Amino acid sequence: MKKVFSVLAVAAMILVSFSSCNPEKTYADYLTQKKGWVLSAATSNPAYEMEDGSYVTNLMTEGYLYDFENEYIITFNEDGTEYVKPGKTVAPADFDGDAYRAETLIGNWSFDNILIPGILNMQVPFFYDAAVETCKLLSLTENELRVSCTINDDDPTAKGTYSFILTYVPAK
């Protein structure tokens, strides 16, 4: 009987030692996954005023974002850099405006607290600027990155403050 308990005790110790070799993932681990992230939902509150006077709440389907912008793949690297590259649809050469047609460094990202972040400072790719947005981190898991970014738009047409809720999923 002692021999059985000894074997069980050794087996338990081995199991514990192996399980301790797999540390839990951190928020940085989730954010910096190699596949990158692709936009799956984007909303505005209040509704964003477009140049033609119309209003949109769903930025992906109501004319705020082009198809190629919906497919941008964002990668957050461990060194704090943030890149964007086109998805399957690339902006046409005659597109009047900024667009990413190749992988491009767009800036740097950071958390307000590395252990339990509440804020993700990031560049939003479809803004095409170097401004760092301070976004409230709503969710960050291996399957979802969800942030709320407050945008102060000074464009005469859309002048105002908007809250954009951006949801990203892992790129395929």
N, C-alpha and C. Protein backbone atom coordinates (compact mmCIF):
# COMPACT_ATOMS: atom_id res chain seq x y z
N MET A 1 0.81 -1.19 0.00
CA MET A 1 0.00 0.00 0.00
C MET A 1 0.86 1.26 0.00
N LYS A 2 1.97 1.21 0.79
CA LYS A 2 2.86 2.36 0.81
C LYS A 2 3.43 2.64 -0.57
N LYS A 3 3.70 1.57 -1.30
CA LYS A 3 4.29 1.71 -2.63
C LYS A 3 3.30 2.43 -3.56
N VAL A 4 2.03 2.14 -3.47
CA VAL A 4 1.01 2.77 -4.30
C VAL A 4 0.93 4.27 -3.97
N PHE A 5 0.93 4.60 -2.67
CA PHE A 5 0.90 6.01 -2.27
C PHE A 5 2.16 6.74 -2.73
N SER A 6 3.30 6.09 -2.66
CA SER A 6 4.55 6.70 -3.11
C SER A 6 4.50 6.99 -4.61
N VAL A 7 4.01 6.05 -5.38
CA VAL A 7 3.90 6.23 -6.83
C VAL A 7 2.93 7.37 -7.13
N LEU A 8 1.80 7.41 -6.42
CA LEU A 8 0.83 8.50 -6.62
C LEU A 8 1.42 9.86 -6.23
N ALA A 9 2.16 9.91 -5.16
CA ALA A 9 2.78 11.16 -4.71
C ALA A 9 3.78 11.65 -5.75
N VAL A 10 4.61 10.75 -6.27
CA VAL A 10 5.59 11.13 -7.31
C VAL A 10 4.87 11.60 -8.56
N ALA A 11 3.82 10.90 -8.95
CA ALA A 11 3.05 11.30 -10.13
C ALA A 11 2.43 12.67 -9.95
N ALA A 12 1.91 12.94 -8.75
CA ALA A 12 1.32 14.25 -8.47
C ALA A 12 2.37 15.34 -8.54
N MET A 13 3.56 15.08 -8.00
CA MET A 13 4.64 16.08 -8.03
C MET A 13 5.06 16.36 -9.48
N ILE A 14 5.15 15.34 -10.29
CA ILE A 14 5.52 15.53 -11.70
C ILE A 14 4.45 16.34 -12.41
N LEU A 15 3.20 16.04 -12.17
CA LEU A 15 2.09 16.77 -12.78
C LEU A 15 2.13 18.25 -12.39
N VAL A 16 2.36 18.53 -11.12
CA VAL A 16 2.44 19.91 -10.64
C VAL A 16 3.62 20.63 -11.28
N SER A 17 4.76 19.97 -11.40
CA SER A 17 5.93 20.63 -11.98
C SER A 17 5.72 20.93 -13.46
N PHE A 18 5.03 20.03 -14.18
CA PHE A 18 4.75 20.32 -15.59
C PHE A 18 3.73 21.44 -15.76
N SER A 19 2.72 21.46 -14.93
CA SER A 19 1.70 22.50 -15.05
C SER A 19 2.27 23.87 -14.69
N SER A 20 3.26 23.93 -13.83
CA SER A 20 3.85 25.22 -13.48
C SER A 20 4.76 25.74 -14.59
N CYS A 21 5.09 24.93 -15.56
CA CYS A 21 5.93 25.37 -16.68
C CYS A 21 5.13 26.16 -17.71
N ASN A 22 3.81 26.10 -17.64
CA ASN A 22 2.96 26.81 -18.59
C ASN A 22 2.32 28.01 -17.89
N PRO A 23 3.04 29.13 -17.83
CA PRO A 23 2.47 30.29 -17.14
C PRO A 23 1.24 30.81 -17.88
N GLU A 24 0.36 31.47 -17.12
CA GLU A 24 -0.82 32.05 -17.73
C GLU A 24 -0.41 33.17 -18.68
N LYS A 25 -1.20 33.35 -19.73
CA LYS A 25 -0.91 34.42 -20.68
C LYS A 25 -1.22 35.77 -20.06
N THR A 26 -0.43 36.76 -20.43
CA THR A 26 -0.64 38.12 -19.97
C THR A 26 -1.44 38.89 -21.02
N TYR A 27 -1.90 40.08 -20.67
CA TYR A 27 -2.59 40.92 -21.63
C TYR A 27 -1.68 41.24 -22.81
N ALA A 28 -0.41 41.47 -22.55
CA ALA A 28 0.54 41.74 -23.64
C ALA A 28 0.66 40.53 -24.56
N ASP A 29 0.63 39.32 -24.00
CA ASP A 29 0.68 38.11 -24.83
C ASP A 29 -0.52 38.05 -25.77
N TYR A 30 -1.70 38.34 -25.25
CA TYR A 30 -2.90 38.33 -26.09
C TYR A 30 -2.80 39.38 -27.19
N LEU A 31 -2.40 40.60 -26.83
CA LEU A 31 -2.35 41.70 -27.80
C LEU A 31 -1.34 41.44 -28.90
N THR A 32 -0.19 40.86 -28.55
CA THR A 32 0.90 40.70 -29.51
C THR A 32 0.89 39.37 -30.25
N GLN A 33 -0.27 38.72 -30.29
CA GLN A 33 -0.33 37.46 -31.03
C GLN A 33 0.12 37.67 -32.48
N LYS A 34 0.80 36.68 -33.01
CA LYS A 34 1.46 36.79 -34.33
C LYS A 34 0.50 37.03 -35.49
N LYS A 35 -0.71 36.47 -35.42
CA LYS A 35 -1.66 36.61 -36.53
C LYS A 35 -2.08 38.06 -36.75
N GLY A 36 -2.11 38.83 -35.68
CA GLY A 36 -2.62 40.19 -35.78
C GLY A 36 -4.12 40.22 -35.57
N TRP A 37 -4.69 41.39 -35.74
CA TRP A 37 -6.11 41.63 -35.47
C TRP A 37 -6.78 42.29 -36.67
N VAL A 38 -8.04 41.92 -36.88
CA VAL A 38 -8.82 42.51 -37.96
C VAL A 38 -10.14 43.02 -37.38
N LEU A 39 -10.60 44.15 -37.88
CA LEU A 39 -11.83 44.78 -37.39
C LEU A 39 -13.04 43.88 -37.68
N SER A 40 -13.87 43.67 -36.66
CA SER A 40 -15.09 42.88 -36.88
C SER A 40 -16.35 43.70 -36.62
N ALA A 41 -16.22 44.80 -35.87
CA ALA A 41 -17.35 45.68 -35.60
C ALA A 41 -16.82 47.06 -35.25
N ALA A 42 -17.53 48.09 -35.69
CA ALA A 42 -17.14 49.47 -35.38
C ALA A 42 -18.39 50.32 -35.36
N THR A 43 -18.66 50.93 -34.22
CA THR A 43 -19.86 51.76 -34.08
C THR A 43 -19.49 53.14 -33.54
N SER A 44 -20.38 54.09 -33.77
CA SER A 44 -20.19 55.45 -33.28
C SER A 44 -21.40 55.86 -32.45
N ASN A 45 -21.11 56.55 -31.34
CA ASN A 45 -22.17 57.11 -30.50
C ASN A 45 -21.73 58.50 -30.07
N PRO A 46 -22.43 59.55 -30.43
CA PRO A 46 -23.63 59.55 -31.26
C PRO A 46 -23.28 59.18 -32.70
N ALA A 47 -24.30 59.11 -33.54
CA ALA A 47 -24.09 58.80 -34.95
C ALA A 47 -23.14 59.83 -35.56
N TYR A 48 -22.20 59.35 -36.36
CA TYR A 48 -21.19 60.20 -36.97
C TYR A 48 -21.78 60.89 -38.21
N GLU A 49 -21.59 62.21 -38.32
CA GLU A 49 -22.11 62.95 -39.46
C GLU A 49 -21.13 62.89 -40.62
N MET A 50 -21.59 62.42 -41.77
CA MET A 50 -20.78 62.30 -42.97
C MET A 50 -20.81 63.62 -43.75
N GLU A 51 -19.91 63.73 -44.73
CA GLU A 51 -19.83 64.94 -45.54
C GLU A 51 -21.12 65.26 -46.28
N ASP A 52 -21.88 64.22 -46.65
CA ASP A 52 -23.13 64.43 -47.39
C ASP A 52 -24.32 64.76 -46.48
N GLY A 53 -24.05 64.89 -45.17
CA GLY A 53 -25.12 65.21 -44.23
C GLY A 53 -25.81 64.00 -43.63
N SER A 54 -25.48 62.82 -44.10
CA SER A 54 -26.08 61.61 -43.53
C SER A 54 -25.34 61.25 -42.23
N TYR A 55 -25.96 60.36 -41.46
CA TYR A 55 -25.39 59.93 -40.20
C TYR A 55 -25.19 58.42 -40.21
N VAL A 56 -24.09 57.96 -39.62
CA VAL A 56 -23.81 56.53 -39.56
C VAL A 56 -23.52 56.13 -38.11
N THR A 57 -24.02 54.98 -37.73
CA THR A 57 -23.67 54.41 -36.43
C THR A 57 -22.79 53.18 -36.62
N ASN A 58 -23.05 52.40 -37.69
CA ASN A 58 -22.20 51.25 -38.01
C ASN A 58 -21.16 51.72 -39.03
N LEU A 59 -19.94 51.94 -38.56
CA LEU A 59 -18.89 52.50 -39.41
C LEU A 59 -18.47 51.55 -40.53
N MET A 60 -18.67 50.25 -40.34
CA MET A 60 -18.22 49.26 -41.32
C MET A 60 -19.19 49.09 -42.48
N THR A 61 -20.48 49.28 -42.23
CA THR A 61 -21.46 48.95 -43.28
C THR A 61 -22.23 50.15 -43.81
N GLU A 62 -22.12 51.29 -43.17
CA GLU A 62 -22.94 52.43 -43.57
C GLU A 62 -22.16 53.53 -44.30
N GLY A 63 -20.98 53.19 -44.81
CA GLY A 63 -20.28 54.13 -45.67
C GLY A 63 -19.14 54.92 -45.06
N TYR A 64 -18.83 54.71 -43.79
CA TYR A 64 -17.70 55.42 -43.19
C TYR A 64 -16.38 54.77 -43.62
N LEU A 65 -16.32 53.43 -43.57
CA LEU A 65 -15.11 52.70 -43.94
C LEU A 65 -15.28 52.03 -45.29
N TYR A 66 -14.21 52.02 -46.07
CA TYR A 66 -14.17 51.28 -47.32
C TYR A 66 -13.88 49.80 -47.01
N ASP A 67 -14.22 48.92 -47.96
CA ASP A 67 -13.98 47.49 -47.76
C ASP A 67 -12.53 47.19 -47.40
N PHE A 68 -11.59 47.84 -48.08
CA PHE A 68 -10.19 47.56 -47.82
C PHE A 68 -9.79 48.00 -46.41
N GLU A 69 -10.43 49.03 -45.87
CA GLU A 69 -10.13 49.47 -44.50
C GLU A 69 -10.68 48.48 -43.48
N ASN A 70 -11.82 47.86 -43.80
CA ASN A 70 -12.40 46.84 -42.93
C ASN A 70 -11.50 45.62 -42.80
N GLU A 71 -10.62 45.43 -43.78
CA GLU A 71 -9.76 44.24 -43.81
C GLU A 71 -8.34 44.48 -43.31
N TYR A 72 -8.01 45.71 -42.94
CA TYR A 72 -6.66 45.98 -42.44
C TYR A 72 -6.32 45.01 -41.31
N ILE A 73 -5.08 44.53 -41.31
CA ILE A 73 -4.59 43.66 -40.26
C ILE A 73 -3.60 44.47 -39.41
N ILE A 74 -3.92 44.60 -38.13
CA ILE A 74 -3.05 45.34 -37.21
C ILE A 74 -2.24 44.34 -36.41
N THR A 75 -0.95 44.60 -36.30
CA THR A 75 -0.11 43.78 -35.43
C THR A 75 0.54 44.69 -34.38
N PHE A 76 0.45 44.23 -33.16
CA PHE A 76 1.08 44.90 -32.03
C PHE A 76 2.28 44.04 -31.64
N ASN A 77 3.47 44.59 -31.72
CA ASN A 77 4.67 43.81 -31.44
C ASN A 77 5.14 44.01 -30.01
N GLU A 78 5.89 43.02 -29.51
CA GLU A 78 6.39 43.06 -28.14
C GLU A 78 7.26 44.28 -27.87
N ASP A 79 7.91 44.81 -28.91
CA ASP A 79 8.78 45.98 -28.71
C ASP A 79 8.00 47.29 -28.65
N GLY A 80 6.65 47.21 -28.69
CA GLY A 80 5.81 48.41 -28.58
C GLY A 80 5.45 49.04 -29.91
N THR A 81 5.87 48.45 -31.03
CA THR A 81 5.53 49.01 -32.33
C THR A 81 4.19 48.45 -32.80
N GLU A 82 3.53 49.23 -33.64
CA GLU A 82 2.24 48.84 -34.19
C GLU A 82 2.33 48.97 -35.72
N TYR A 83 1.95 47.89 -36.40
CA TYR A 83 1.99 47.86 -37.86
C TYR A 83 0.59 47.61 -38.41
N VAL A 84 0.38 48.02 -39.65
CA VAL A 84 -0.85 47.70 -40.35
C VAL A 84 -0.48 47.22 -41.75
N LYS A 85 -1.23 46.25 -42.25
CA LYS A 85 -1.04 45.79 -43.62
C LYS A 85 -2.40 45.51 -44.22
N PRO A 86 -2.48 45.56 -45.55
CA PRO A 86 -3.78 45.31 -46.19
C PRO A 86 -4.19 43.85 -46.03
N GLY A 87 -5.50 43.64 -46.10
CA GLY A 87 -6.04 42.29 -46.12
C GLY A 87 -6.14 41.81 -47.56
N LYS A 88 -7.19 41.06 -47.87
CA LYS A 88 -7.37 40.53 -49.23
C LYS A 88 -7.62 41.64 -50.24
N THR A 89 -8.36 42.67 -49.82
CA THR A 89 -8.67 43.78 -50.71
C THR A 89 -7.68 44.91 -50.45
N VAL A 90 -6.98 45.32 -51.49
CA VAL A 90 -6.01 46.41 -51.36
C VAL A 90 -6.63 47.66 -51.97
N ALA A 91 -6.34 48.81 -51.39
CA ALA A 91 -6.88 50.08 -51.90
C ALA A 91 -6.47 50.25 -53.35
N PRO A 92 -7.40 50.69 -54.20
CA PRO A 92 -7.05 50.91 -55.60
C PRO A 92 -6.00 52.02 -55.72
N ALA A 93 -5.19 51.93 -56.75
CA ALA A 93 -4.11 52.90 -56.96
C ALA A 93 -4.65 54.32 -57.11
N ASP A 94 -5.85 54.45 -57.66
CA ASP A 94 -6.42 55.79 -57.88
C ASP A 94 -7.26 56.27 -56.69
N PHE A 95 -7.20 55.55 -55.56
CA PHE A 95 -7.95 55.96 -54.37
C PHE A 95 -7.46 57.33 -53.92
N ASP A 96 -8.39 58.25 -53.79
CA ASP A 96 -8.04 59.61 -53.40
C ASP A 96 -8.03 59.70 -51.88
N GLY A 97 -6.87 59.53 -51.31
CA GLY A 97 -6.73 59.55 -49.86
C GLY A 97 -5.62 58.62 -49.43
N ASP A 98 -5.35 58.63 -48.16
CA ASP A 98 -4.31 57.75 -47.63
C ASP A 98 -4.85 56.33 -47.56
N ALA A 99 -3.98 55.38 -47.79
CA ALA A 99 -4.34 53.98 -47.67
C ALA A 99 -3.06 53.18 -47.50
N TYR A 100 -3.18 52.06 -46.83
CA TYR A 100 -2.01 51.19 -46.64
C TYR A 100 -2.07 50.09 -47.69
N ARG A 101 -1.09 50.10 -48.58
CA ARG A 101 -1.03 49.12 -49.67
C ARG A 101 0.05 48.08 -49.40
N ALA A 102 0.83 48.29 -48.35
CA ALA A 102 1.87 47.35 -47.93
C ALA A 102 1.98 47.45 -46.41
N GLU A 103 2.68 46.50 -45.80
CA GLU A 103 2.85 46.58 -44.35
C GLU A 103 3.58 47.87 -43.98
N THR A 104 3.04 48.60 -43.02
CA THR A 104 3.54 49.92 -42.67
C THR A 104 3.57 50.09 -41.15
N LEU A 105 4.66 50.63 -40.65
CA LEU A 105 4.74 51.00 -39.24
C LEU A 105 3.88 52.24 -39.06
N ILE A 106 2.90 52.16 -38.16
CA ILE A 106 2.04 53.33 -37.96
C ILE A 106 2.26 54.00 -36.61
N GLY A 107 3.08 53.40 -35.75
CA GLY A 107 3.38 54.04 -34.48
C GLY A 107 3.67 53.04 -33.40
N ASN A 108 3.36 53.45 -32.19
CA ASN A 108 3.64 52.65 -31.01
C ASN A 108 2.38 52.46 -30.18
N TRP A 109 2.35 51.37 -29.45
CA TRP A 109 1.24 51.09 -28.55
C TRP A 109 1.79 50.98 -27.14
N SER A 110 0.91 51.16 -26.15
CA SER A 110 1.28 50.94 -24.75
C SER A 110 0.02 50.77 -23.91
N PHE A 111 0.19 50.12 -22.78
CA PHE A 111 -0.86 50.00 -21.78
C PHE A 111 -0.60 51.02 -20.68
N ASP A 112 -1.64 51.41 -19.97
CA ASP A 112 -1.44 52.26 -18.80
C ASP A 112 -0.91 51.44 -17.62
N ASN A 113 -1.19 50.14 -17.60
CA ASN A 113 -0.73 49.25 -16.54
C ASN A 113 -0.52 47.89 -17.20
N ILE A 114 0.69 47.39 -17.18
CA ILE A 114 1.02 46.16 -17.88
C ILE A 114 0.32 44.93 -17.28
N LEU A 115 0.08 44.92 -15.95
CA LEU A 115 -0.54 43.75 -15.32
C LEU A 115 -2.05 43.72 -15.51
N ILE A 116 -2.71 44.83 -15.24
CA ILE A 116 -4.17 44.92 -15.40
C ILE A 116 -4.48 46.23 -16.12
N PRO A 117 -4.35 46.22 -17.45
CA PRO A 117 -4.54 47.47 -18.19
C PRO A 117 -6.00 47.90 -18.27
N GLY A 118 -6.21 49.20 -18.20
CA GLY A 118 -7.53 49.78 -18.40
C GLY A 118 -7.54 50.63 -19.66
N ILE A 119 -6.33 51.02 -20.10
CA ILE A 119 -6.17 51.89 -21.27
C ILE A 119 -5.20 51.25 -22.25
N LEU A 120 -5.53 51.31 -23.53
CA LEU A 120 -4.62 50.92 -24.60
C LEU A 120 -4.39 52.17 -25.45
N ASN A 121 -3.16 52.65 -25.47
CA ASN A 121 -2.78 53.76 -26.33
C ASN A 121 -2.35 53.17 -27.66
N MET A 122 -3.01 53.57 -28.74
CA MET A 122 -2.77 52.96 -30.05
C MET A 122 -3.09 53.95 -31.17
N GLN A 123 -2.57 53.67 -32.35
CA GLN A 123 -2.97 54.40 -33.54
C GLN A 123 -4.13 53.61 -34.17
N VAL A 124 -5.17 54.32 -34.53
CA VAL A 124 -6.30 53.69 -35.23
C VAL A 124 -6.00 53.80 -36.72
N PRO A 125 -5.82 52.67 -37.41
CA PRO A 125 -5.35 52.71 -38.80
C PRO A 125 -6.17 53.56 -39.76
N PHE A 126 -7.49 53.51 -39.66
CA PHE A 126 -8.29 54.24 -40.64
C PHE A 126 -8.36 55.74 -40.37
N PHE A 127 -7.66 56.24 -39.36
CA PHE A 127 -7.56 57.69 -39.14
C PHE A 127 -6.42 58.29 -39.96
N TYR A 128 -5.46 57.46 -40.38
CA TYR A 128 -4.34 57.89 -41.22
C TYR A 128 -3.59 59.09 -40.64
N ASP A 129 -3.34 59.04 -39.36
CA ASP A 129 -2.54 60.11 -38.76
C ASP A 129 -1.61 59.50 -37.72
N ALA A 130 -0.74 60.32 -37.18
CA ALA A 130 0.23 59.84 -36.21
C ALA A 130 -0.27 59.99 -34.78
N ALA A 131 -1.50 60.47 -34.61
CA ALA A 131 -2.03 60.70 -33.27
C ALA A 131 -2.25 59.38 -32.55
N VAL A 132 -1.87 59.35 -31.30
CA VAL A 132 -2.10 58.19 -30.46
C VAL A 132 -3.45 58.38 -29.78
N GLU A 133 -4.32 57.42 -29.96
CA GLU A 133 -5.64 57.47 -29.32
C GLU A 133 -5.54 56.77 -27.97
N THR A 134 -6.11 57.37 -26.97
CA THR A 134 -6.20 56.76 -25.65
C THR A 134 -7.54 56.06 -25.59
N CYS A 135 -7.49 54.75 -25.71
CA CYS A 135 -8.71 53.95 -25.80
C CYS A 135 -8.93 53.15 -24.52
N LYS A 136 -10.16 53.15 -24.04
CA LYS A 136 -10.51 52.34 -22.88
C LYS A 136 -10.56 50.89 -23.34
N LEU A 137 -9.86 50.03 -22.63
CA LEU A 137 -9.82 48.62 -22.96
C LEU A 137 -11.06 47.94 -22.38
N LEU A 138 -11.97 47.52 -23.25
CA LEU A 138 -13.21 46.89 -22.81
C LEU A 138 -13.06 45.38 -22.68
N SER A 139 -12.24 44.79 -23.55
CA SER A 139 -12.05 43.34 -23.54
C SER A 139 -10.76 43.01 -24.27
N LEU A 140 -9.99 42.08 -23.70
CA LEU A 140 -8.79 41.58 -24.39
C LEU A 140 -8.60 40.13 -23.98
N THR A 141 -8.88 39.24 -24.95
CA THR A 141 -8.68 37.80 -24.76
C THR A 141 -7.97 37.30 -26.01
N GLU A 142 -7.74 36.02 -26.09
CA GLU A 142 -7.11 35.49 -27.30
C GLU A 142 -8.04 35.58 -28.51
N ASN A 143 -9.35 35.80 -28.27
CA ASN A 143 -10.32 35.85 -29.36
C ASN A 143 -10.92 37.21 -29.63
N GLU A 144 -10.63 38.21 -28.79
CA GLU A 144 -11.26 39.52 -28.99
C GLU A 144 -10.43 40.64 -28.38
N LEU A 145 -10.34 41.72 -29.14
CA LEU A 145 -9.80 42.99 -28.64
C LEU A 145 -10.91 44.01 -28.87
N ARG A 146 -11.38 44.61 -27.78
CA ARG A 146 -12.49 45.58 -27.88
C ARG A 146 -12.11 46.82 -27.10
N VAL A 147 -12.17 47.97 -27.80
CA VAL A 147 -11.79 49.24 -27.19
C VAL A 147 -12.84 50.31 -27.47
N SER A 148 -12.86 51.32 -26.62
CA SER A 148 -13.70 52.49 -26.82
C SER A 148 -12.78 53.70 -26.91
N CYS A 149 -12.81 54.36 -28.06
CA CYS A 149 -11.96 55.52 -28.29
C CYS A 149 -12.83 56.76 -28.43
N THR A 150 -12.53 57.79 -27.66
CA THR A 150 -13.26 59.05 -27.77
C THR A 150 -12.55 59.91 -28.79
N ILE A 151 -13.30 60.31 -29.81
CA ILE A 151 -12.75 61.07 -30.94
C ILE A 151 -13.30 62.48 -30.89
N ASN A 152 -12.43 63.45 -30.89
CA ASN A 152 -12.83 64.85 -30.99
C ASN A 152 -12.55 65.30 -32.42
N ASP A 153 -13.58 65.32 -33.23
CA ASP A 153 -13.43 65.65 -34.65
C ASP A 153 -13.61 67.15 -34.84
N ASP A 154 -12.63 67.79 -35.48
CA ASP A 154 -12.75 69.23 -35.72
C ASP A 154 -13.10 69.54 -37.17
N ASP A 155 -13.43 68.50 -37.94
CA ASP A 155 -13.90 68.70 -39.31
C ASP A 155 -15.20 69.51 -39.24
N PRO A 156 -15.32 70.56 -40.03
CA PRO A 156 -16.54 71.39 -39.96
C PRO A 156 -17.83 70.59 -40.14
N THR A 157 -17.79 69.54 -40.97
CA THR A 157 -18.99 68.74 -41.20
C THR A 157 -19.35 67.91 -39.98
N ALA A 158 -18.35 67.23 -39.43
CA ALA A 158 -18.62 66.27 -38.35
C ALA A 158 -18.17 66.78 -36.99
N LYS A 159 -18.06 68.06 -36.86
CA LYS A 159 -17.54 68.64 -35.63
C LYS A 159 -18.27 68.08 -34.41
N GLY A 160 -17.49 67.59 -33.46
CA GLY A 160 -18.10 67.07 -32.25
C GLY A 160 -17.26 65.98 -31.62
N THR A 161 -17.79 65.41 -30.56
CA THR A 161 -17.12 64.34 -29.84
C THR A 161 -17.91 63.06 -30.06
N TYR A 162 -17.19 62.01 -30.44
CA TYR A 162 -17.80 60.72 -30.75
C TYR A 162 -17.09 59.63 -29.98
N SER A 163 -17.83 58.63 -29.59
CA SER A 163 -17.25 57.45 -28.98
C SER A 163 -17.32 56.32 -30.01
N PHE A 164 -16.16 55.86 -30.44
CA PHE A 164 -16.08 54.74 -31.38
C PHE A 164 -15.79 53.48 -30.57
N ILE A 165 -16.63 52.47 -30.72
CA ILE A 165 -16.39 51.16 -30.13
C ILE A 165 -15.85 50.28 -31.26
N LEU A 166 -14.62 49.84 -31.11
CA LEU A 166 -13.95 49.04 -32.13
C LEU A 166 -13.70 47.64 -31.59
N THR A 167 -14.16 46.65 -32.31
CA THR A 167 -13.97 45.26 -31.92
C THR A 167 -13.13 44.57 -32.99
N TYR A 168 -12.06 43.93 -32.54
CA TYR A 168 -11.15 43.22 -33.43
C TYR A 168 -11.14 41.74 -33.06
N VAL A 169 -10.93 40.90 -34.07
CA VAL A 169 -10.78 39.46 -33.87
C VAL A 169 -9.45 39.04 -34.50
N PRO A 170 -8.92 37.89 -34.12
CA PRO A 170 -7.65 37.46 -34.72
C PRO A 170 -7.77 37.32 -36.24
N ALA A 171 -6.75 37.79 -36.94
CA ALA A 171 -6.71 37.63 -38.39
C ALA A 171 -6.55 36.15 -38.71
N LYS A 172 -7.01 35.76 -39.86
CA LYS A 172 -6.93 34.35 -40.26
C LYS A 172 -5.66 34.06 -41.03
